[in-house]
Amino acid sequence: MEENKNKKNQPVKSAKKTKKPNVFKRFGHWIKNKFSGMASELKKVTWPKFSKVLKQTGVVLAVVLFFLVVVTAIDFGLTELLKVVGK
């Protein structure tokens, strides 16, 4: 008997729930938060001087050209080796 009494005396849960905004508003808020966070992080970045960027770009291009020559030479050598072996 007491079990029935306890169940009846419990407060009824509220049927009202907070309604979420629609998907477009939520997506808009998400995008806004991402871009504002990105902007605040970009303000913290210390950007290099143009001369340093130019020097580093030159180093990268030199390394790429060096390996281009090395890989091309290896390819040419292996091609000639296959021609000799194939005869």
Protein backbone atom coordinates (compact mmCIF):
# COMPACT_ATOMS: atom_id res chain seq x y z
CA MET A 1 0.00 0.00 0.00
CA GLU A 2 2.74 2.43 0.84
CA GLU A 3 4.30 1.95 -2.59
CA ASN A 4 1.16 3.27 -4.31
CA LYS A 5 1.01 6.20 -1.93
CA ASN A 6 4.62 7.20 -2.64
CA LYS A 7 4.13 7.05 -6.38
CA LYS A 8 1.08 9.30 -6.23
CA ASN A 9 2.70 11.88 -3.98
CA GLN A 10 5.75 12.39 -6.22
CA PRO A 11 5.75 15.69 -8.07
CA VAL A 12 4.87 15.43 -11.73
CA LYS A 13 7.74 16.35 -14.04
CA SER A 14 7.25 19.50 -15.98
CA ALA A 15 6.10 18.89 -19.53
CA LYS A 16 7.73 22.14 -20.67
CA LYS A 17 11.18 21.71 -22.13
CA THR A 18 13.42 24.45 -23.34
CA LYS A 19 13.07 24.52 -27.08
CA LYS A 20 16.30 24.40 -29.09
CA PRO A 21 16.79 26.94 -31.85
CA ASN A 22 16.40 25.53 -35.33
CA VAL A 23 19.31 23.87 -37.11
CA PHE A 24 20.24 26.97 -39.12
CA LYS A 25 20.59 29.16 -36.03
CA ARG A 26 22.63 26.50 -34.23
CA PHE A 27 24.89 26.10 -37.27
CA GLY A 28 25.26 29.87 -37.53
CA HIS A 29 26.29 30.11 -33.88
CA TRP A 30 28.74 27.25 -34.36
CA ILE A 31 30.34 28.94 -37.40
CA LYS A 32 30.47 32.28 -35.56
CA ASN A 33 32.22 30.68 -32.57
CA LYS A 34 34.75 28.91 -34.81
CA PHE A 35 35.65 32.07 -36.74
CA SER A 36 35.86 34.26 -33.65
CA GLY A 37 38.14 31.69 -32.02
CA MET A 38 40.25 31.55 -35.14
CA ALA A 39 40.51 35.33 -35.29
CA SER A 40 41.60 35.55 -31.65
CA GLU A 41 44.27 32.89 -32.25
CA LEU A 42 45.56 34.68 -35.35
CA LYS A 43 46.06 37.84 -33.29
CA LYS A 44 48.46 35.88 -31.07
CA VAL A 45 50.63 34.73 -34.00
CA THR A 46 54.00 36.38 -34.52
CA TRP A 47 54.48 36.65 -38.25
CA PRO A 48 58.01 36.44 -39.72
CA LYS A 49 59.60 39.30 -41.63
CA PHE A 50 59.33 39.28 -45.41
CA SER A 51 63.08 38.80 -45.83
CA LYS A 52 63.00 35.65 -43.68
CA VAL A 53 60.06 34.27 -45.67
CA LEU A 54 61.93 34.98 -48.91
CA LYS A 55 65.08 33.19 -47.65
CA GLN A 56 63.12 30.17 -46.45
CA THR A 57 61.24 29.98 -49.75
CA GLY A 58 64.57 29.99 -51.58
CA VAL A 59 65.84 27.14 -49.40
CA VAL A 60 62.71 25.09 -50.05
CA LEU A 61 62.95 25.65 -53.82
CA ALA A 62 66.66 24.71 -53.83
CA VAL A 63 65.95 21.46 -51.94
CA VAL A 64 63.08 20.60 -54.27
CA LEU A 65 65.22 21.24 -57.36
CA PHE A 66 68.08 19.16 -55.90
CA PHE A 67 65.82 16.18 -55.31
CA LEU A 68 64.24 16.66 -58.74
CA VAL A 69 67.69 16.28 -60.31
CA VAL A 70 68.54 13.27 -58.13
CA VAL A 71 65.26 11.43 -58.84
CA THR A 72 65.50 12.24 -62.57
CA ALA A 73 69.07 10.91 -62.68
CA ILE A 74 68.05 7.70 -60.90
CA ASP A 75 65.10 7.28 -63.27
CA PHE A 76 67.30 7.83 -66.32
CA GLY A 77 69.92 5.40 -65.00
CA LEU A 78 67.39 2.67 -64.28
CA THR A 79 65.77 3.16 -67.70
CA GLU A 80 69.13 2.72 -69.43
CA LEU A 81 69.88 -0.31 -67.27
CA LEU A 82 66.58 -1.92 -68.30
CA LYS A 83 67.38 -1.23 -71.97
CA VAL A 84 70.75 -2.99 -71.60
CA VAL A 85 69.28 -5.96 -69.69
CA GLY A 86 66.37 -6.25 -72.13
CA LYS A 87 68.58 -6.79 -75.20
